[in-house]
Structures are given as structure tokens and as C-alpha cells.
Amino acid sequence: EELVEHVASSLRAGYGVHVHSIGDKAQQYILDAFYAAKD
């Protein structure tokens, strides 16, 4: 929930988001957060 809020707020403000992801759960979370904010 916190992740989606960060991603969405940055995109609304006009800033790109660049995310460090190494493990599979990290990638799972950020992929899902980007999808939630895709529009």
C-alpha cells in the first residue's frame, strides 16, 4: 500500500520512478505497484 502511494505520487508530480530490485518478492511488489499506477 505504501509503495503504490509513493509511485503514484511521484508520477502525478511529473517525476520518473527508478527502483532497485534484486529479489523476486521485491520485483513482484514493484511490478504490481507500477501496474496499479499504469494510467
Full PDB file with SEQRES, HELIX, SHEET, SSBOND, CRYST1, ORIGX, SCALE, CONECT and MASTER records, all heavy atoms in Angstrom:
SEQRES   1 A   39  GLU GLU LEU VAL GLU HIS VAL ALA SER SER LEU ARG ALA          
SEQRES   2 A   39  GLY TYR GLY VAL HIS VAL HIS SER ILE GLY ASP LYS ALA          
SEQRES   3 A   39  GLN GLN TYR ILE LEU ASP ALA PHE TYR ALA ALA LYS ASP          
HELIX    1 AA1 GLU A    2  ARG A   12  1                                  11    
HELIX    2 AA2 ASP A   24  ALA A   36  1                                  13    
CRYST1    1.000    1.000    1.000  90.00  90.00  90.00 P 1           1          
ORIGX1      1.000000  0.000000  0.000000        0.00000                         
ORIGX2      0.000000  1.000000  0.000000        0.00000                         
ORIGX3      0.000000  0.000000  1.000000        0.00000                         
SCALE1      1.000000  0.000000  0.000000        0.00000                         
SCALE2      0.000000  1.000000  0.000000        0.00000                         
SCALE3      0.000000  0.000000  1.000000        0.00000                         
ATOM      1  N   GLU A   1       0.827  -1.208   0.000  1.00  0.00           N  
ATOM      2  CA  GLU A   1       0.000   0.000   0.000  1.00  0.00           C  
ATOM      3  C   GLU A   1       0.861   1.257   0.000  1.00  0.00           C  
ATOM      4  O   GLU A   1       0.613   2.208  -0.755  1.00  0.00           O  
ATOM      5  CB  GLU A   1      -0.929  -0.014   1.219  1.00  0.00           C  
ATOM      6  CG  GLU A   1      -1.886   1.156   1.263  1.00  0.00           C  
ATOM      7  CD  GLU A   1      -2.848   1.074   2.442  1.00  0.00           C  
ATOM      8  OE1 GLU A   1      -2.926  -0.010   3.075  1.00  0.00           O  
ATOM      9  OE2 GLU A   1      -3.504   2.095   2.747  1.00  0.00           O  
ATOM     10  N   GLU A   2       1.893   1.240   0.832  1.00  0.00           N  
ATOM     11  CA  GLU A   2       2.809   2.375   0.908  1.00  0.00           C  
ATOM     12  C   GLU A   2       3.544   2.560  -0.413  1.00  0.00           C  
ATOM     13  O   GLU A   2       3.730   3.688  -0.902  1.00  0.00           O  
ATOM     14  CB  GLU A   2       3.808   2.138   2.044  1.00  0.00           C  
ATOM     15  CG  GLU A   2       4.839   3.245   2.224  1.00  0.00           C  
ATOM     16  CD  GLU A   2       5.911   2.877   3.240  1.00  0.00           C  
ATOM     17  OE1 GLU A   2       6.095   1.676   3.508  1.00  0.00           O  
ATOM     18  OE2 GLU A   2       6.577   3.798   3.735  1.00  0.00           O  
ATOM     19  N   LEU A   3       3.951   1.456  -1.027  1.00  0.00           N  
ATOM     20  CA  LEU A   3       4.689   1.505  -2.287  1.00  0.00           C  
ATOM     21  C   LEU A   3       3.853   2.147  -3.392  1.00  0.00           C  
ATOM     22  O   LEU A   3       4.329   3.012  -4.135  1.00  0.00           O  
ATOM     23  CB  LEU A   3       5.110   0.090  -2.681  1.00  0.00           C  
ATOM     24  CG  LEU A   3       5.833  -0.077  -4.016  1.00  0.00           C  
ATOM     25  CD1 LEU A   3       7.127   0.712  -4.039  1.00  0.00           C  
ATOM     26  CD2 LEU A   3       6.109  -1.566  -4.274  1.00  0.00           C  
ATOM     27  N   VAL A   4       2.614   1.717  -3.512  1.00  0.00           N  
ATOM     28  CA  VAL A   4       1.731   2.275  -4.545  1.00  0.00           C  
ATOM     29  C   VAL A   4       1.562   3.775  -4.334  1.00  0.00           C  
ATOM     30  O   VAL A   4       1.547   4.562  -5.295  1.00  0.00           O  
ATOM     31  CB  VAL A   4       0.368   1.566  -4.535  1.00  0.00           C  
ATOM     32  CG1 VAL A   4      -0.618   2.286  -5.452  1.00  0.00           C  
ATOM     33  CG2 VAL A   4       0.524   0.113  -4.987  1.00  0.00           C  
ATOM     34  N   GLU A   5       1.463   4.200  -3.075  1.00  0.00           N  
ATOM     35  CA  GLU A   5       1.304   5.630  -2.782  1.00  0.00           C  
ATOM     36  C   GLU A   5       2.535   6.414  -3.229  1.00  0.00           C  
ATOM     37  O   GLU A   5       2.410   7.499  -3.821  1.00  0.00           O  
ATOM     38  CB  GLU A   5       1.065   5.837  -1.284  1.00  0.00           C  
ATOM     39  CG  GLU A   5       0.764   7.291  -0.923  1.00  0.00           C  
ATOM     40  CD  GLU A   5       0.551   7.504   0.567  1.00  0.00           C  
ATOM     41  OE1 GLU A   5       0.678   6.523   1.333  1.00  0.00           O  
ATOM     42  OE2 GLU A   5       0.266   8.647   0.963  1.00  0.00           O  
ATOM     43  N   HIS A   6       3.736   5.871  -2.963  1.00  0.00           N  
ATOM     44  CA  HIS A   6       4.964   6.537  -3.399  1.00  0.00           C  
ATOM     45  C   HIS A   6       5.004   6.646  -4.922  1.00  0.00           C  
ATOM     46  O   HIS A   6       5.290   7.723  -5.477  1.00  0.00           O  
ATOM     47  CB  HIS A   6       6.183   5.759  -2.913  1.00  0.00           C  
ATOM     48  CG  HIS A   6       6.609   6.072  -1.520  1.00  0.00           C  
ATOM     49  ND1 HIS A   6       7.453   7.120  -1.221  1.00  0.00           N  
ATOM     50  CD2 HIS A   6       6.312   5.485  -0.335  1.00  0.00           C  
ATOM     51  CE1 HIS A   6       7.666   7.157   0.093  1.00  0.00           C  
ATOM     52  NE2 HIS A   6       6.982   6.182   0.655  1.00  0.00           N  
ATOM     53  N   VAL A   7       4.766   5.534  -5.602  1.00  0.00           N  
ATOM     54  CA  VAL A   7       4.846   5.507  -7.060  1.00  0.00           C  
ATOM     55  C   VAL A   7       3.834   6.469  -7.672  1.00  0.00           C  
ATOM     56  O   VAL A   7       4.166   7.289  -8.545  1.00  0.00           O  
ATOM     57  CB  VAL A   7       4.623   4.070  -7.589  1.00  0.00           C  
ATOM     58  CG1 VAL A   7       4.428   4.072  -9.106  1.00  0.00           C  
ATOM     59  CG2 VAL A   7       5.810   3.185  -7.211  1.00  0.00           C  
ATOM     60  N   ALA A   8       2.589   6.366  -7.235  1.00  0.00           N  
ATOM     61  CA  ALA A   8       1.533   7.204  -7.797  1.00  0.00           C  
ATOM     62  C   ALA A   8       1.793   8.688  -7.538  1.00  0.00           C  
ATOM     63  O   ALA A   8       1.600   9.529  -8.430  1.00  0.00           O  
ATOM     64  CB  ALA A   8       0.182   6.796  -7.219  1.00  0.00           C  
ATOM     65  N   SER A   9       2.258   9.027  -6.354  1.00  0.00           N  
ATOM     66  CA  SER A   9       2.509  10.431  -6.009  1.00  0.00           C  
ATOM     67  C   SER A   9       3.637  11.008  -6.851  1.00  0.00           C  
ATOM     68  O   SER A   9       3.561  12.157  -7.307  1.00  0.00           O  
ATOM     69  CB  SER A   9       2.841  10.558  -4.522  1.00  0.00           C  
ATOM     70  OG  SER A   9       1.748  10.170  -3.719  1.00  0.00           O  
ATOM     71  N   SER A  10       4.685  10.232  -7.065  1.00  0.00           N  
ATOM     72  CA  SER A  10       5.794  10.705  -7.892  1.00  0.00           C  
ATOM     73  C   SER A  10       5.344  10.940  -9.332  1.00  0.00           C  
ATOM     74  O   SER A  10       5.655  11.962  -9.938  1.00  0.00           O  
ATOM     75  CB  SER A  10       6.938   9.689  -7.858  1.00  0.00           C  
ATOM     76  OG  SER A  10       8.003  10.118  -8.684  1.00  0.00           O  
ATOM     77  N   LEU A  11       4.595   9.989  -9.876  1.00  0.00           N  
ATOM     78  CA  LEU A  11       4.127  10.130 -11.259  1.00  0.00           C  
ATOM     79  C   LEU A  11       3.176  11.311 -11.402  1.00  0.00           C  
ATOM     80  O   LEU A  11       3.246  12.064 -12.393  1.00  0.00           O  
ATOM     81  CB  LEU A  11       3.451   8.837 -11.711  1.00  0.00           C  
ATOM     82  CG  LEU A  11       4.371   7.610 -11.821  1.00  0.00           C  
ATOM     83  CD1 LEU A  11       3.559   6.358 -12.104  1.00  0.00           C  
ATOM     84  CD2 LEU A  11       5.421   7.821 -12.915  1.00  0.00           C  
ATOM     85  N   ARG A  12       2.300  11.506 -10.443  1.00  0.00           N  
ATOM     86  CA  ARG A  12       1.384  12.653 -10.501  1.00  0.00           C  
ATOM     87  C   ARG A  12       2.155  13.971 -10.466  1.00  0.00           C  
ATOM     88  O   ARG A  12       1.746  14.960 -11.082  1.00  0.00           O  
ATOM     89  CB  ARG A  12       0.396  12.605  -9.337  1.00  0.00           C  
ATOM     90  CG  ARG A  12      -0.670  11.538  -9.455  1.00  0.00           C  
ATOM     91  CD  ARG A  12      -1.804  11.767  -8.459  1.00  0.00           C  
ATOM     92  NE  ARG A  12      -2.681  10.606  -8.399  1.00  0.00           N  
ATOM     93  CZ  ARG A  12      -2.613   9.655  -7.475  1.00  0.00           C  
ATOM     94  NH1 ARG A  12      -1.702   9.745  -6.492  1.00  0.00           N  
ATOM     95  NH2 ARG A  12      -3.448   8.633  -7.497  1.00  0.00           N  
ATOM     96  N   ALA A  13       3.268  13.986  -9.724  1.00  0.00           N  
ATOM     97  CA  ALA A  13       4.078  15.196  -9.621  1.00  0.00           C  
ATOM     98  C   ALA A  13       4.939  15.412 -10.863  1.00  0.00           C  
ATOM     99  O   ALA A  13       5.591  16.458 -10.986  1.00  0.00           O  
ATOM    100  CB  ALA A  13       4.964  15.124  -8.374  1.00  0.00           C  
ATOM    101  N   GLY A  14       4.948  14.441 -11.774  1.00  0.00           N  
ATOM    102  CA  GLY A  14       5.702  14.586 -13.016  1.00  0.00           C  
ATOM    103  C   GLY A  14       7.103  14.033 -12.970  1.00  0.00           C  
ATOM    104  O   GLY A  14       7.922  14.346 -13.838  1.00  0.00           O  
ATOM    105  N   TYR A  15       7.391  13.176 -11.991  1.00  0.00           N  
ATOM    106  CA  TYR A  15       8.729  12.630 -11.836  1.00  0.00           C  
ATOM    107  C   TYR A  15       8.769  11.135 -12.154  1.00  0.00           C  
ATOM    108  O   TYR A  15       7.886  10.376 -11.732  1.00  0.00           O  
ATOM    109  CB  TYR A  15       9.242  12.854 -10.414  1.00  0.00           C  
ATOM    110  CG  TYR A  15       9.418  14.315 -10.069  1.00  0.00           C  
ATOM    111  CD1 TYR A  15       8.610  14.921  -9.103  1.00  0.00           C  
ATOM    112  CD2 TYR A  15      10.366  15.092 -10.716  1.00  0.00           C  
ATOM    113  CE1 TYR A  15       8.757  16.268  -8.787  1.00  0.00           C  
ATOM    114  CE2 TYR A  15      10.526  16.439 -10.414  1.00  0.00           C  
ATOM    115  CZ  TYR A  15       9.719  17.017  -9.455  1.00  0.00           C  
ATOM    116  OH  TYR A  15       9.870  18.349  -9.154  1.00  0.00           O  
ATOM    117  N   GLY A  16       9.809  10.725 -12.878  1.00  0.00           N  
ATOM    118  CA  GLY A  16      10.018   9.322 -13.157  1.00  0.00           C  
ATOM    119  C   GLY A  16      10.390   8.566 -11.891  1.00  0.00           C  
ATOM    120  O   GLY A  16      10.897   9.149 -10.925  1.00  0.00           O  
ATOM    121  N   VAL A  17      10.143   7.259 -11.906  1.00  0.00           N  
ATOM    122  CA  VAL A  17      10.421   6.408 -10.745  1.00  0.00           C  
ATOM    123  C   VAL A  17      11.442   5.351 -11.145  1.00  0.00           C  
ATOM    124  O   VAL A  17      11.280   4.659 -12.153  1.00  0.00           O  
ATOM    125  CB  VAL A  17       9.136   5.728 -10.221  1.00  0.00           C  
ATOM    126  CG1 VAL A  17       9.438   4.932  -8.955  1.00  0.00           C  
ATOM    127  CG2 VAL A  17       8.052   6.763  -9.964  1.00  0.00           C  
ATOM    128  N   HIS A  18      12.496   5.221 -10.354  1.00  0.00           N  
ATOM    129  CA  HIS A  18      13.619   4.323 -10.633  1.00  0.00           C  
ATOM    130  C   HIS A  18      13.836   3.464  -9.386  1.00  0.00           C  
ATOM    131  O   HIS A  18      14.141   3.991  -8.313  1.00  0.00           O  
ATOM    132  CB  HIS A  18      14.864   5.165 -10.930  1.00  0.00           C  
ATOM    133  CG  HIS A  18      16.036   4.411 -11.446  1.00  0.00           C  
ATOM    134  ND1 HIS A  18      16.495   4.554 -12.744  1.00  0.00           N  
ATOM    135  CD2 HIS A  18      16.884   3.529 -10.861  1.00  0.00           C  
ATOM    136  CE1 HIS A  18      17.557   3.796 -12.921  1.00  0.00           C  
ATOM    137  NE2 HIS A  18      17.816   3.168 -11.792  1.00  0.00           N  
ATOM    138  N   VAL A  19      13.636   2.148  -9.507  1.00  0.00           N  
ATOM    139  CA  VAL A  19      13.533   1.300  -8.318  1.00  0.00           C  
ATOM    140  C   VAL A  19      14.554   0.168  -8.333  1.00  0.00           C  
ATOM    141  O   VAL A  19      14.641  -0.602  -9.296  1.00  0.00           O  
ATOM    142  CB  VAL A  19      12.116   0.699  -8.206  1.00  0.00           C  
ATOM    143  CG1 VAL A  19      11.990  -0.117  -6.927  1.00  0.00           C  
ATOM    144  CG2 VAL A  19      11.059   1.804  -8.237  1.00  0.00           C  
ATOM    145  N   HIS A  20      15.323   0.067  -7.258  1.00  0.00           N  
ATOM    146  CA  HIS A  20      16.267  -1.026  -7.044  1.00  0.00           C  
ATOM    147  C   HIS A  20      15.489  -2.281  -6.651  1.00  0.00           C  
ATOM    148  O   HIS A  20      14.737  -2.287  -5.679  1.00  0.00           O  
ATOM    149  CB  HIS A  20      17.240  -0.629  -5.930  1.00  0.00           C  
ATOM    150  CG  HIS A  20      18.079  -1.749  -5.384  1.00  0.00           C  
ATOM    151  ND1 HIS A  20      19.438  -1.808  -5.577  1.00  0.00           N  
ATOM    152  CD2 HIS A  20      17.770  -2.841  -4.632  1.00  0.00           C  
ATOM    153  CE1 HIS A  20      19.917  -2.888  -4.972  1.00  0.00           C  
ATOM    154  NE2 HIS A  20      18.915  -3.538  -4.399  1.00  0.00           N  
ATOM    155  N   SER A  21      15.692  -3.367  -7.423  1.00  0.00           N  
ATOM    156  CA  SER A  21      15.013  -4.626  -7.125  1.00  0.00           C  
ATOM    157  C   SER A  21      15.944  -5.786  -7.426  1.00  0.00           C  
ATOM    158  O   SER A  21      16.386  -5.967  -8.560  1.00  0.00           O  
ATOM    159  CB  SER A  21      13.737  -4.749  -7.970  1.00  0.00           C  
ATOM    160  OG  SER A  21      13.181  -6.045  -7.870  1.00  0.00           O  
ATOM    161  N   ILE A  22      16.237  -6.591  -6.395  1.00  0.00           N  
ATOM    162  CA  ILE A  22      17.127  -7.738  -6.543  1.00  0.00           C  
ATOM    163  C   ILE A  22      16.362  -9.057  -6.389  1.00  0.00           C  
ATOM    164  O   ILE A  22      16.439  -9.943  -7.234  1.00  0.00           O  
ATOM    165  CB  ILE A  22      18.268  -7.683  -5.511  1.00  0.00           C  
ATOM    166  CG1 ILE A  22      19.166  -6.468  -5.778  1.00  0.00           C  
ATOM    167  CG2 ILE A  22      19.082  -8.971  -5.539  1.00  0.00           C  
ATOM    168  CD1 ILE A  22      20.016  -6.564  -7.022  1.00  0.00           C  
ATOM    169  N   GLY A  23      15.619  -9.222  -5.309  1.00  0.00           N  
ATOM    170  CA  GLY A  23      14.909 -10.470  -5.040  1.00  0.00           C  
ATOM    171  C   GLY A  23      13.584 -10.569  -5.763  1.00  0.00           C  
ATOM    172  O   GLY A  23      13.036  -9.568  -6.253  1.00  0.00           O  
ATOM    173  N   ASP A  24      13.030 -11.794  -5.829  1.00  0.00           N  
ATOM    174  CA  ASP A  24      11.783 -11.999  -6.576  1.00  0.00           C  
ATOM    175  C   ASP A  24      10.579 -11.323  -5.926  1.00  0.00           C  
ATOM    176  O   ASP A  24       9.680 -10.843  -6.616  1.00  0.00           O  
ATOM    177  CB  ASP A  24      11.524 -13.482  -6.831  1.00  0.00           C  
ATOM    178  CG  ASP A  24      11.468 -14.340  -5.573  1.00  0.00           C  
ATOM    179  OD1 ASP A  24      11.678 -13.803  -4.464  1.00  0.00           O  
ATOM    180  OD2 ASP A  24      11.235 -15.562  -5.700  1.00  0.00           O  
ATOM    181  N   LYS A  25      10.567 -11.240  -4.600  1.00  0.00           N  
ATOM    182  CA  LYS A  25       9.447 -10.564  -3.952  1.00  0.00           C  
ATOM    183  C   LYS A  25       9.536  -9.053  -4.151  1.00  0.00           C  
ATOM    184  O   LYS A  25       8.515  -8.375  -4.300  1.00  0.00           O  
ATOM    185  CB  LYS A  25       9.394 -10.897  -2.461  1.00  0.00           C  
ATOM    186  CG  LYS A  25       8.078 -10.487  -1.801  1.00  0.00           C  
ATOM    187  CD  LYS A  25       7.922 -11.085  -0.412  1.00  0.00           C  
ATOM    188  CE  LYS A  25       6.545 -10.811   0.167  1.00  0.00           C  
ATOM    189  NZ  LYS A  25       6.359 -11.447   1.495  1.00  0.00           N  
ATOM    190  N   ALA A  26      10.752  -8.533  -4.178  1.00  0.00           N  
ATOM    191  CA  ALA A  26      10.938  -7.105  -4.466  1.00  0.00           C  
ATOM    192  C   ALA A  26      10.423  -6.792  -5.865  1.00  0.00           C  
ATOM    193  O   ALA A  26       9.697  -5.806  -6.073  1.00  0.00           O  
ATOM    194  CB  ALA A  26      12.411  -6.740  -4.347  1.00  0.00           C  
ATOM    195  N   GLN A  27      10.777  -7.635  -6.827  1.00  0.00           N  
ATOM    196  CA  GLN A  27      10.312  -7.399  -8.195  1.00  0.00           C  
ATOM    197  C   GLN A  27       8.791  -7.551  -8.294  1.00  0.00           C  
ATOM    198  O   GLN A  27       8.117  -6.772  -8.970  1.00  0.00           O  
ATOM    199  CB  GLN A  27      11.000  -8.355  -9.173  1.00  0.00           C  
ATOM    200  CG  GLN A  27      10.727  -7.996 -10.629  1.00  0.00           C  
ATOM    201  CD  GLN A  27      11.120  -9.089 -11.586  1.00  0.00           C  
ATOM    202  OE1 GLN A  27      10.648 -10.218 -11.496  1.00  0.00           O  
ATOM    203  NE2 GLN A  27      12.005  -8.762 -12.525  1.00  0.00           N  
ATOM    204  N   GLN A  28       8.261  -8.535  -7.602  1.00  0.00           N  
ATOM    205  CA  GLN A  28       6.813  -8.753  -7.606  1.00  0.00           C  
ATOM    206  C   GLN A  28       6.078  -7.508  -7.113  1.00  0.00           C  
ATOM    207  O   GLN A  28       5.110  -7.045  -7.734  1.00  0.00           O  
ATOM    208  CB  GLN A  28       6.472  -9.949  -6.731  1.00  0.00           C  
ATOM    209  CG  GLN A  28       5.002 -10.318  -6.677  1.00  0.00           C  
ATOM    210  CD  GLN A  28       4.763 -11.461  -5.702  1.00  0.00           C  
ATOM    211  OE1 GLN A  28       4.876 -11.303  -4.494  1.00  0.00           O  
ATOM    212  NE2 GLN A  28       4.455 -12.644  -6.235  1.00  0.00           N  
ATOM    213  N   TYR A  29       6.546  -6.935  -6.014  1.00  0.00           N  
ATOM    214  CA  TYR A  29       5.890  -5.766  -5.441  1.00  0.00           C  
ATOM    215  C   TYR A  29       5.942  -4.570  -6.389  1.00  0.00           C  
ATOM    216  O   TYR A  29       4.931  -3.885  -6.605  1.00  0.00           O  
ATOM    217  CB  TYR A  29       6.544  -5.392  -4.102  1.00  0.00           C  
ATOM    218  CG  TYR A  29       5.952  -6.062  -2.890  1.00  0.00           C  
ATOM    219  CD1 TYR A  29       5.550  -7.390  -2.923  1.00  0.00           C  
ATOM    220  CD2 TYR A  29       5.789  -5.369  -1.702  1.00  0.00           C  
ATOM    221  CE1 TYR A  29       5.020  -8.009  -1.801  1.00  0.00           C  
ATOM    222  CE2 TYR A  29       5.257  -5.971  -0.569  1.00  0.00           C  
ATOM    223  CZ  TYR A  29       4.874  -7.299  -0.633  1.00  0.00           C  
ATOM    224  OH  TYR A  29       4.344  -7.888   0.486  1.00  0.00           O  
ATOM    225  N   ILE A  30       7.114  -4.296  -6.948  1.00  0.00           N  
ATOM    226  CA  ILE A  30       7.216  -3.085  -7.765  1.00  0.00           C  
ATOM    227  C   ILE A  30       6.508  -3.257  -9.105  1.00  0.00           C  
ATOM    228  O   ILE A  30       5.916  -2.312  -9.630  1.00  0.00           O  
ATOM    229  CB  ILE A  30       8.688  -2.638  -7.933  1.00  0.00           C  
ATOM    230  CG1 ILE A  30       8.745  -1.264  -8.601  1.00  0.00           C  
ATOM    231  CG2 ILE A  30       9.509  -3.641  -8.705  1.00  0.00           C  
ATOM    232  CD1 ILE A  30       7.944  -0.160  -7.906  1.00  0.00           C  
ATOM    233  N   LEU A  31       6.525  -4.460  -9.669  1.00  0.00           N  
ATOM    234  CA  LEU A  31       5.756  -4.689 -10.890  1.00  0.00           C  
ATOM    235  C   LEU A  31       4.267  -4.446 -10.641  1.00  0.00           C  
ATOM    236  O   LEU A  31       3.580  -3.798 -11.442  1.00  0.00           O  
ATOM    237  CB  LEU A  31       5.980  -6.110 -11.409  1.00  0.00           C  
ATOM    238  CG  LEU A  31       7.282  -6.364 -12.178  1.00  0.00           C  
ATOM    239  CD1 LEU A  31       7.492  -7.861 -12.393  1.00  0.00           C  
ATOM    240  CD2 LEU A  31       7.275  -5.636 -13.521  1.00  0.00           C  
ATOM    241  N   ASP A  32       3.762  -4.950  -9.528  1.00  0.00           N  
ATOM    242  CA  ASP A  32       2.351  -4.775  -9.216  1.00  0.00           C  
ATOM    243  C   ASP A  32       2.023  -3.312  -8.914  1.00  0.00           C  
ATOM    244  O   ASP A  32       0.943  -2.811  -9.269  1.00  0.00           O  
ATOM    245  CB  ASP A  32       1.949  -5.658  -8.039  1.00  0.00           C  
ATOM    246  CG  ASP A  32       1.939  -7.143  -8.398  1.00  0.00           C  
ATOM    247  OD1 ASP A  32       2.016  -7.464  -9.602  1.00  0.00           O  
ATOM    248  OD2 ASP A  32       1.866  -7.976  -7.471  1.00  0.00           O  
ATOM    249  N   ALA A  33       2.956  -2.610  -8.272  1.00  0.00           N  
ATOM    250  CA  ALA A  33       2.736  -1.190  -7.977  1.00  0.00           C  
ATOM    251  C   ALA A  33       2.724  -0.371  -9.270  1.00  0.00           C  
ATOM    252  O   ALA A  33       1.892   0.541  -9.429  1.00  0.00           O  
ATOM    253  CB  ALA A  33       3.817  -0.674  -7.033  1.00  0.00           C  
ATOM    254  N   PHE A  34       3.628  -0.673 -10.177  1.00  0.00           N  
ATOM    255  CA  PHE A  34       3.634   0.034 -11.458  1.00  0.00           C  
ATOM    256  C   PHE A  34       2.340  -0.246 -12.236  1.00  0.00           C  
ATOM    257  O   PHE A  34       1.791   0.646 -12.882  1.00  0.00           O  
ATOM    258  CB  PHE A  34       4.845  -0.362 -12.292  1.00  0.00           C  
ATOM    259  CG  PHE A  34       6.108   0.385 -11.938  1.00  0.00           C  
ATOM    260  CD1 PHE A  34       7.348  -0.245 -12.010  1.00  0.00           C  
ATOM    261  CD2 PHE A  34       6.076   1.709 -11.552  1.00  0.00           C  
ATOM    262  CE1 PHE A  34       8.512   0.439 -11.700  1.00  0.00           C  
ATOM    263  CE2 PHE A  34       7.236   2.400 -11.232  1.00  0.00           C  
ATOM    264  CZ  PHE A  34       8.456   1.763 -11.305  1.00  0.00           C  
ATOM    265  N   TYR A  35       1.860  -1.467 -12.144  1.00  0.00           N  
ATOM    266  CA  TYR A  35       0.615  -1.786 -12.856  1.00  0.00           C  
ATOM    267  C   TYR A  35      -0.558  -1.019 -12.253  1.00  0.00           C  
ATOM    268  O   TYR A  35      -1.423  -0.507 -12.974  1.00  0.00           O  
ATOM    269  CB  TYR A  35       0.335  -3.287 -12.813  1.00  0.00           C  
ATOM    270  CG  TYR A  35      -0.822  -3.688 -13.695  1.00  0.00           C  
ATOM    271  CD1 TYR A  35      -0.657  -3.831 -15.071  1.00  0.00           C  
ATOM    272  CD2 TYR A  35      -2.090  -3.893 -13.159  1.00  0.00           C  
ATOM    273  CE1 TYR A  35      -1.729  -4.169 -15.885  1.00  0.00           C  
ATOM    274  CE2 TYR A  35      -3.164  -4.231 -13.962  1.00  0.00           C  
ATOM    275  CZ  TYR A  35      -2.980  -4.365 -15.325  1.00  0.00           C  
ATOM    276  OH  TYR A  35      -4.043  -4.701 -16.135  1.00  0.00           O  
ATOM    277  N   ALA A  36      -0.566  -0.912 -10.946  1.00  0.00           N  
ATOM    278  CA  ALA A  36      -1.650  -0.172 -10.287  1.00  0.00           C  
ATOM    279  C   ALA A  36      -1.647   1.300 -10.684  1.00  0.00           C  
ATOM    280  O   ALA A  36      -2.700   1.946 -10.687  1.00  0.00           O  
ATOM    281  CB  ALA A  36      -1.519  -0.304  -8.768  1.00  0.00           C  
ATOM    282  N   ALA A  37      -0.470   1.825 -11.037  1.00  0.00           N  
ATOM    283  CA  ALA A  37      -0.343   3.245 -11.398  1.00  0.00           C  
ATOM    284  C   ALA A  37      -0.131   3.435 -12.897  1.00  0.00           C  
ATOM    285  O   ALA A  37       0.312   4.502 -13.331  1.00  0.00           O  
ATOM    286  CB  ALA A  37       0.826   3.867 -10.625  1.00  0.00           C  
ATOM    287  N   LYS A  38      -0.485   2.442 -13.690  1.00  0.00           N  
ATOM    288  CA  LYS A  38      -0.129   2.457 -15.118  1.00  0.00           C  
ATOM    289  C   LYS A  38      -0.806   3.591 -15.883  1.00  0.00           C  
ATOM    290  O   LYS A  38      -0.283   4.041 -16.927  1.00  0.00           O  
ATOM    291  CB  LYS A  38      -0.475   1.125 -15.766  1.00  0.00           C  
ATOM    292  CG  LYS A  38      -1.941   0.737 -15.777  1.00  0.00           C  
ATOM    293  CD  LYS A  38      -2.146  -0.644 -16.379  1.00  0.00           C  
ATOM    294  CE  LYS A  38      -3.597  -1.097 -16.278  1.00  0.00           C  
ATOM    295  NZ  LYS A  38      -4.524  -0.221 -16.990  1.00  0.00           N  
ATOM    296  N   ASP A  39      -1.933   4.090 -15.411  1.00  0.00           N  
ATOM    297  CA  ASP A  39      -2.656   5.124 -16.142  1.00  0.00           C  
ATOM    298  C   ASP A  39      -2.311   6.539 -15.677  1.00  0.00           C  
ATOM    299  O   ASP A  39      -2.855   7.521 -16.199  1.00  0.00           O  
ATOM    300  CB  ASP A  39      -4.165   4.897 -16.013  1.00  0.00           C  
ATOM    301  CG  ASP A  39      -4.607   3.593 -16.670  1.00  0.00           C  
ATOM    302  OD1 ASP A  39      -4.004   3.217 -17.700  1.00  0.00           O  
ATOM    303  OD2 ASP A  39      -5.534   2.955 -16.136  1.00  0.00           O  
TER     304      ASP A  39                                                      
MASTER        0    0    0    2    0    0    0    6  303    1    0    3          
END                                                                             
